[in-house]
Protein backbone atom coordinates (compact mmCIF):
# COMPACT_ATOMS: atom_id res chain seq x y z
CA MET A 1 -140.01 95.48 -151.33
CA VAL A 2 -141.09 91.84 -150.92
CA LYS A 3 -142.87 91.28 -154.17
CA GLN A 4 -146.47 90.13 -153.59
CA SER A 5 -148.02 87.37 -155.41
CA LEU A 6 -151.62 87.33 -157.02
CA PRO A 7 -154.17 85.65 -155.28
CA LYS A 8 -156.43 83.23 -157.07
CA PRO A 9 -159.23 84.55 -158.23
CA SER A 10 -162.56 83.13 -156.61
CA LEU A 11 -166.08 84.33 -157.22
CA GLU A 12 -167.00 82.82 -153.85
CA HIS A 13 -168.12 86.06 -152.55
CA LEU A 14 -169.65 86.99 -155.82
CA HIS A 15 -172.13 83.92 -155.62
CA ARG A 16 -173.03 85.13 -151.89
CA LEU A 17 -174.08 88.51 -153.23
CA THR A 18 -175.88 87.04 -156.12
CA ASP A 19 -179.49 85.61 -155.58
CA ASP A 20 -182.06 84.85 -158.96
CA THR A 21 -182.64 88.10 -159.97
CA GLY A 22 -178.91 89.63 -159.68
CA LEU A 23 -176.27 91.09 -157.87
CA PHE A 24 -177.33 92.99 -154.64
CA GLN A 25 -175.76 96.12 -154.23
CA HIS A 26 -174.50 96.17 -150.30
CA ALA A 27 -173.88 93.95 -147.87
CA LYS A 28 -173.63 94.38 -143.53
CA PHE A 29 -169.92 92.65 -143.37
CA THR A 30 -170.38 89.88 -145.80
CA ILE A 31 -174.52 89.37 -145.39
CA PRO A 32 -176.05 91.00 -148.54
CA LEU A 33 -178.12 93.77 -147.54
CA ARG A 34 -181.88 93.06 -149.69
CA SER A 35 -183.28 96.23 -148.45
CA GLU A 36 -180.64 97.93 -150.88
CA GLY A 37 -181.63 95.89 -154.25
CA TYR A 38 -179.89 96.00 -157.09
CA THR A 39 -178.36 98.38 -159.54
CA THR A 40 -177.43 97.89 -162.99
CA ASP A 41 -174.28 99.59 -162.42
CA ASP A 42 -173.07 96.59 -160.33
CA ASN A 43 -174.82 93.91 -162.31
CA ALA A 44 -172.62 95.74 -165.42
CA ARG A 45 -169.77 95.35 -164.04
CA ALA A 46 -170.63 91.38 -162.38
CA LEU A 47 -170.91 90.52 -166.24
CA ILE A 48 -167.69 92.03 -166.97
CA ALA A 49 -165.88 90.28 -163.90
CA ALA A 50 -167.68 86.91 -164.66
CA THR A 51 -167.05 87.68 -168.43
CA LYS A 52 -163.28 87.66 -167.99
CA HIS A 53 -163.20 85.02 -165.43
CA TYR A 54 -164.80 82.63 -167.69
CA ALA A 55 -162.52 83.48 -170.39
CA LEU A 56 -159.45 82.66 -168.19
CA TYR A 57 -160.85 79.69 -166.22
CA ARG A 58 -163.89 78.27 -167.56
CA GLY A 59 -166.41 76.63 -165.44
CA PRO A 60 -170.36 75.60 -165.31
CA GLU A 61 -170.66 78.28 -162.13
CA THR A 62 -169.13 81.08 -163.54
CA LEU A 63 -171.49 80.90 -166.96
CA GLN A 64 -174.32 80.46 -164.69
CA LEU A 65 -173.31 84.02 -163.39
CA ILE A 66 -173.07 85.59 -167.00
CA ASP A 67 -176.25 84.65 -167.91
CA ARG A 68 -177.81 86.11 -164.70
CA TYR A 69 -175.84 89.03 -164.77
CA LEU A 70 -176.60 89.69 -169.01
CA ALA A 71 -180.15 89.25 -168.37
CA PHE A 72 -180.56 91.73 -165.47
CA VAL A 73 -178.68 94.60 -167.78
CA LEU A 74 -180.74 93.21 -170.58
CA HIS A 75 -183.66 94.03 -168.76
CA SER A 76 -182.34 97.23 -167.68
CA GLN A 77 -182.21 99.15 -171.12
CA ASN A 78 -185.65 100.49 -172.28
CA ASP A 79 -186.42 100.30 -176.17
CA ASN A 80 -184.84 103.74 -176.91
CA GLY A 81 -181.89 102.79 -175.56
CA THR A 82 -181.45 104.11 -172.33
CA VAL A 83 -180.81 102.21 -169.35
CA LYS A 84 -182.41 102.01 -165.57
CA ASN A 85 -180.25 101.87 -162.76
CA PHE A 86 -182.20 101.05 -159.45
CA MET A 87 -183.65 98.37 -158.45
CA ASP A 88 -185.75 97.28 -155.27
CA PHE A 89 -185.54 93.93 -153.92
CA ASP A 90 -189.31 93.33 -154.88
CA ARG A 91 -188.00 93.90 -158.75
CA THR A 92 -189.73 97.22 -159.39
CA TRP A 93 -187.63 100.18 -160.89
CA HIS A 94 -187.34 103.50 -159.15
CA LYS A 95 -189.29 105.97 -161.33
CA ALA A 96 -187.33 109.15 -160.23
CA GLU A 97 -183.30 108.36 -161.26
CA PRO A 98 -180.68 111.08 -160.81
CA VAL A 99 -178.61 111.30 -163.94
CA ASN A 100 -175.94 108.56 -164.05
CA ASP A 101 -173.49 106.64 -165.92
CA ALA A 102 -175.19 103.40 -166.23
CA ILE A 103 -175.83 103.46 -169.78
CA GLY A 104 -171.94 103.74 -170.43
CA ARG A 105 -171.17 100.91 -167.98
CA ALA A 106 -174.42 98.69 -169.98
CA ILE A 107 -172.06 99.39 -173.02
CA TRP A 108 -168.87 98.66 -171.45
CA ALA A 109 -170.55 95.06 -170.18
CA PHE A 110 -171.83 94.07 -173.75
CA GLY A 111 -168.74 95.08 -175.21
CA ALA A 112 -166.55 92.77 -172.62
CA VAL A 113 -169.21 89.80 -173.81
CA LEU A 114 -168.70 90.96 -177.72
CA ALA A 115 -164.37 90.77 -176.64
CA GLN A 116 -164.69 87.42 -175.11
CA PRO A 117 -167.93 85.88 -175.73
CA PRO A 118 -168.49 82.59 -173.90
CA SER A 119 -170.08 80.91 -177.17
CA ASP A 120 -171.62 82.58 -180.35
CA ILE A 121 -174.73 82.85 -179.12
CA TYR A 122 -174.07 85.40 -177.10
CA ILE A 123 -173.10 87.82 -180.04
CA PRO A 124 -176.29 88.85 -181.63
CA VAL A 125 -177.71 89.88 -178.36
CA ALA A 126 -174.64 91.86 -177.35
CA ARG A 127 -174.49 93.54 -180.70
CA GLU A 128 -178.40 94.32 -180.76
CA ARG A 129 -178.31 96.28 -177.31
CA ILE A 130 -175.22 98.28 -177.95
CA ASP A 131 -176.29 99.34 -181.90
CA ILE A 132 -179.87 100.49 -179.90
CA ALA A 133 -177.48 102.34 -177.22
CA MET A 134 -174.79 104.11 -179.64
CA PRO A 135 -176.54 107.42 -180.14
CA LEU A 136 -176.92 108.30 -176.72
CA ILE A 137 -173.26 107.80 -175.84
CA LYS A 138 -172.52 111.46 -176.95
CA GLY A 139 -174.92 113.16 -174.74
CA GLN A 140 -172.95 111.07 -171.89
CA TYR A 141 -170.97 112.76 -168.92
CA PRO A 142 -167.16 112.12 -169.68
CA ARG A 143 -167.09 109.09 -167.63
CA GLY A 144 -170.03 107.90 -169.16
CA MET A 145 -168.47 108.32 -172.70
CA ALA A 146 -165.11 106.71 -171.02
CA TYR A 147 -167.02 103.20 -169.99
CA SER A 148 -168.96 103.43 -173.37
CA ILE A 149 -165.46 103.47 -175.38
CA LEU A 150 -164.53 100.65 -173.43
CA GLY A 151 -167.47 98.82 -174.83
CA LEU A 152 -166.94 99.99 -178.40
CA ALA A 153 -163.36 98.63 -178.27
CA GLY A 154 -164.84 94.91 -177.34
CA TYR A 155 -167.28 95.59 -180.28
CA LEU A 156 -164.25 96.23 -182.32
CA LYS A 157 -162.69 92.76 -181.53
CA GLN A 158 -165.79 91.03 -182.32
CA CYS A 159 -166.53 93.13 -185.56
CA PRO A 160 -163.08 95.13 -187.01
CA ASP A 161 -164.56 96.36 -189.96
CA ALA A 162 -167.72 98.20 -188.28
CA ASP A 163 -167.20 101.68 -189.56
CA ASP A 164 -170.18 102.89 -187.41
CA VAL A 165 -168.83 101.75 -184.42
CA LYS A 166 -165.48 103.23 -185.31
CA ASN A 167 -167.02 106.94 -186.04
CA CYS A 168 -169.06 106.61 -182.81
CA MET A 169 -165.77 105.53 -180.79
CA ALA A 170 -164.00 108.84 -182.51
CA THR A 171 -167.01 111.10 -181.83
CA ALA A 172 -166.67 110.14 -178.19
CA ALA A 173 -162.95 110.27 -177.89
CA ASP A 174 -162.97 114.00 -179.32
CA LEU A 175 -165.56 115.06 -177.18
CA ILE A 176 -163.48 113.86 -174.39
CA VAL A 177 -160.38 115.64 -175.50
CA SER A 178 -162.64 118.81 -176.62
CA ARG A 179 -163.81 118.64 -172.59
CA PHE A 180 -160.03 118.55 -171.40
CA GLU A 181 -158.67 120.89 -173.80
CA LYS A 182 -161.08 123.41 -172.67
CA ASN A 183 -160.97 122.96 -168.68
CA MET A 184 -157.08 122.26 -168.44
CA LYS A 185 -154.49 124.89 -167.01
CA PRO A 186 -150.82 124.32 -167.18
CA ASN A 187 -150.57 123.20 -163.29
CA TRP A 188 -154.14 121.50 -163.41
CA PRO A 189 -154.25 119.13 -166.61
CA TRP A 190 -157.69 117.77 -166.18
CA PHE A 191 -161.48 118.17 -167.18
CA GLU A 192 -162.76 119.88 -163.91
CA LYS A 193 -161.80 121.88 -161.70
CA ILE A 194 -162.00 118.82 -159.24
CA LEU A 195 -160.83 115.10 -159.32
CA THR A 196 -163.38 113.27 -158.21
CA TYR A 197 -164.29 109.34 -158.54
CA ASP A 198 -162.78 106.79 -161.40
CA ASN A 199 -160.76 109.37 -162.29
CA ALA A 200 -158.36 107.01 -164.03
CA MET A 201 -161.07 105.86 -166.21
CA LEU A 202 -160.87 108.96 -168.43
CA PRO A 203 -157.23 108.04 -169.61
CA CYS A 204 -157.78 104.54 -169.88
CA ALA A 205 -160.48 105.05 -172.43
CA LEU A 206 -158.33 107.76 -174.45
CA PHE A 207 -155.45 104.85 -174.22
CA THR A 208 -158.12 102.57 -175.52
CA ALA A 209 -159.70 104.35 -178.59
CA GLY A 210 -156.23 105.21 -179.17
CA ILE A 211 -155.25 101.54 -179.69
CA SER A 212 -158.32 100.87 -181.40
CA LEU A 213 -158.57 103.62 -184.17
CA HIS A 214 -154.21 103.76 -184.81
CA ASN A 215 -155.01 107.39 -183.32
CA LYS A 216 -151.61 108.66 -181.69
CA LYS A 217 -153.40 112.00 -180.56
CA TYR A 218 -155.64 109.79 -178.30
CA ILE A 219 -152.36 108.25 -177.14
CA GLU A 220 -150.41 111.45 -176.43
CA ILE A 221 -153.38 113.39 -174.59
CA ALA A 222 -153.76 110.30 -172.47
CA LYS A 223 -150.25 109.67 -171.51
CA LYS A 224 -150.45 113.52 -169.91
CA ILE A 225 -153.85 112.63 -168.11
CA CYS A 226 -152.09 109.61 -166.62
CA ASN A 227 -149.41 111.57 -165.24
CA PHE A 228 -151.35 114.07 -163.55
CA VAL A 229 -153.33 111.42 -162.00
CA LEU A 230 -150.33 109.42 -161.06
CA GLU A 231 -148.96 112.61 -159.38
CA SER A 232 -151.86 113.10 -157.59
CA THR A 233 -152.25 109.29 -156.00
CA PHE A 234 -148.33 107.99 -156.45
CA THR A 235 -146.47 108.47 -153.14
CA GLY A 236 -143.40 107.41 -154.88
CA SER A 237 -144.24 104.36 -152.51
CA HIS A 238 -147.77 103.61 -152.77
CA PHE A 239 -151.16 104.86 -154.19
CA SER A 240 -152.99 106.90 -151.58
CA PHE A 241 -156.25 107.60 -153.62
CA VAL A 242 -158.23 110.80 -153.91
CA GLY A 243 -160.87 110.10 -150.58
CA CYS A 244 -164.41 111.08 -151.00
CA GLN A 245 -164.32 112.67 -147.90
CA GLY A 246 -163.90 115.92 -149.97
CA TRP A 247 -162.34 114.63 -152.89
CA PHE A 248 -159.27 117.01 -154.70
CA PRO A 249 -160.05 120.53 -155.55
CA GLN A 250 -158.00 122.66 -157.86
CA GLY A 251 -155.88 124.55 -155.80
CA GLY A 252 -157.11 123.10 -152.76
CA LYS A 253 -155.72 120.21 -150.50
CA LYS A 254 -156.84 116.36 -151.42
CA ALA A 255 -158.83 114.15 -148.81
CA GLN A 256 -157.12 111.71 -147.89
CA PHE A 257 -159.92 109.59 -146.67
CA ASP A 258 -162.27 107.57 -147.56
CA GLN A 259 -160.57 106.10 -150.56
CA GLN A 260 -162.61 103.62 -152.66
CA PRO A 261 -161.18 100.52 -154.17
CA ILE A 262 -163.14 101.51 -157.44
CA GLU A 263 -159.96 103.90 -157.79
CA ALA A 264 -157.72 101.20 -157.23
CA ALA A 265 -159.34 99.28 -159.98
CA GLY A 266 -159.40 102.17 -162.47
CA THR A 267 -155.94 102.55 -162.04
CA ILE A 268 -154.85 99.06 -162.53
CA LEU A 269 -157.02 99.23 -166.22
CA MET A 270 -155.67 102.66 -166.81
CA LEU A 271 -152.23 101.44 -166.34
CA ASP A 272 -152.74 97.97 -168.58
CA ALA A 273 -154.36 100.10 -171.35
CA GLY A 274 -151.36 102.45 -171.11
CA TYR A 275 -148.58 99.70 -171.51
CA LYS A 276 -150.83 98.30 -174.38
CA ALA A 277 -150.51 101.43 -175.94
CA THR A 278 -146.87 102.43 -175.39
CA LYS A 279 -145.06 99.57 -174.46
CA ASP A 280 -143.47 101.54 -171.49
CA LYS A 281 -142.82 98.72 -168.82
CA LYS A 282 -143.24 101.77 -166.07
CA TYR A 283 -147.16 101.29 -166.28
CA LEU A 284 -146.33 97.66 -165.59
CA MET A 285 -144.50 98.31 -162.16
CA LEU A 286 -147.00 100.99 -161.30
CA ARG A 287 -149.93 98.76 -162.28
CA GLN A 288 -148.57 95.87 -159.77
CA LYS A 289 -148.41 99.04 -157.06
CA ALA A 290 -151.84 99.50 -157.58
CA PHE A 291 -153.15 96.40 -157.00
CA ASN A 292 -150.77 96.20 -154.10
CA TRP A 293 -152.93 98.46 -152.65
CA PHE A 294 -155.60 96.07 -152.04
CA LEU A 295 -153.32 93.77 -149.90
CA GLY A 296 -152.01 96.39 -147.46
CA GLU A 297 -149.47 98.86 -149.60
CA ASN A 298 -151.54 101.73 -148.41
CA ASP A 299 -151.95 104.85 -146.39
CA LEU A 300 -152.59 102.39 -143.54
CA GLY A 301 -150.99 99.47 -144.62
CA ILE A 302 -153.80 97.38 -144.21
CA PRO A 303 -155.27 94.90 -146.65
CA LEU A 304 -158.85 95.57 -147.75
CA TYR A 305 -158.85 92.22 -149.54
CA ASP A 306 -160.13 89.10 -147.03
CA SER A 307 -158.95 86.06 -147.71
CA LYS A 308 -161.43 84.21 -145.79
CA SER A 309 -164.69 85.28 -147.62
CA LYS A 310 -162.70 86.31 -150.70
CA GLY A 311 -164.63 89.71 -150.59
CA CYS A 312 -163.24 93.25 -150.21
CA GLY A 313 -163.57 95.96 -147.70
CA ASP A 314 -165.84 99.29 -149.11
CA GLY A 315 -163.20 101.66 -148.23
CA LEU A 316 -160.22 102.70 -146.70
CA GLY A 317 -161.09 105.18 -143.64
CA LYS A 318 -159.54 107.29 -140.98
CA GLY A 319 -160.17 104.44 -138.66
CA GLY A 320 -159.56 101.62 -140.80
CA VAL A 321 -161.06 99.00 -143.58
CA SER A 322 -164.61 99.09 -143.90
CA ALA A 323 -165.93 95.50 -142.48
CA ASN A 324 -168.73 95.61 -145.10
CA GLU A 325 -167.96 93.85 -148.21
CA GLY A 326 -170.65 94.78 -150.92
CA ALA A 327 -170.80 95.09 -154.44
CA GLU A 328 -168.65 97.26 -155.96
CA SER A 329 -165.56 96.84 -153.55
CA THR A 330 -165.98 93.52 -154.60
CA LEU A 331 -165.89 93.98 -158.18
CA SER A 332 -163.19 96.06 -158.49
CA PHE A 333 -160.61 93.73 -156.59
CA LEU A 334 -161.86 91.49 -159.05
CA LEU A 335 -161.34 93.37 -162.26
CA GLY A 336 -157.95 94.56 -160.88
CA LEU A 337 -156.94 91.00 -159.99
CA LEU A 338 -158.45 89.32 -163.39
CA THR A 339 -156.85 92.28 -165.42
CA MET A 340 -153.23 91.46 -163.48
CA CYS A 341 -153.96 87.72 -164.33
CA GLU A 342 -154.64 88.48 -167.89
CA GLY A 343 -151.39 90.43 -168.18
CA LYS A 344 -149.70 87.38 -167.34
CA ARG A 345 -150.49 85.38 -169.69
């Protein structure tokens, strides 16, 4: 196998998708679709990516993006800690929204700012917003709790003696473990009767909680779940993620398409956390394999990363790669790439 080199992280397409309000949700090819508006999910992910980029490379343009995305996520949060997710192009929030994971993603984003603040002036506001949202974490779905744990880990990097944050993280991790132990079967060590989206973030969160709280139980359970995710997605030569056209029901057949970039990013984060928790070098090899999915080591042998636009196709379908390069896919690529770049330092 020829070793794939890492592309240089570029925010070019992120700039293209961003206006004075924030990051647009969707694109037609590389052009932002104003009619689809914005989401807190995407702007929170963008804040995480921009913060990581600034920590690695600095630059005033990156700082401008951080301020724009941070302003969006701050505006999304209500006084009671809840978070609005969908905003139209005219800056009006949707009033009736389905239950989502936006609280967890917002906490993750604020925690990313605390872990790597561009300057000390960002610390008080990020702390305040997590403090307001912490009571809501235990009421989230498992993935929302997982995202929250990553944010709390960032909080503890800034404030390592914050006992209330440690207790909140332990509560969330215990709830995830309880859900796992209640639903797992010998041949199906999972939280539900189906593998759906962003699966790797659940073991990633337990690895992270284990590291932050020095809890070996979390790490051991994370290893078991991580192995199941890998068995379900790694072919031995490349990753073939669970497709969104049917998912992977227990006792059924895994959908091959459409495979989403968010799965590759989550797998990279899971394997990165797994290595940090265990120092097992197999995680580093698999982390590279997961990133190479973006570069063409996938079921179709086609890159999703667009070296011209610096964006990423929205998915890998039966007929090829989507020509649309929206926010989630581009941010998934960037988060994966920046995590790889952090690991090289």
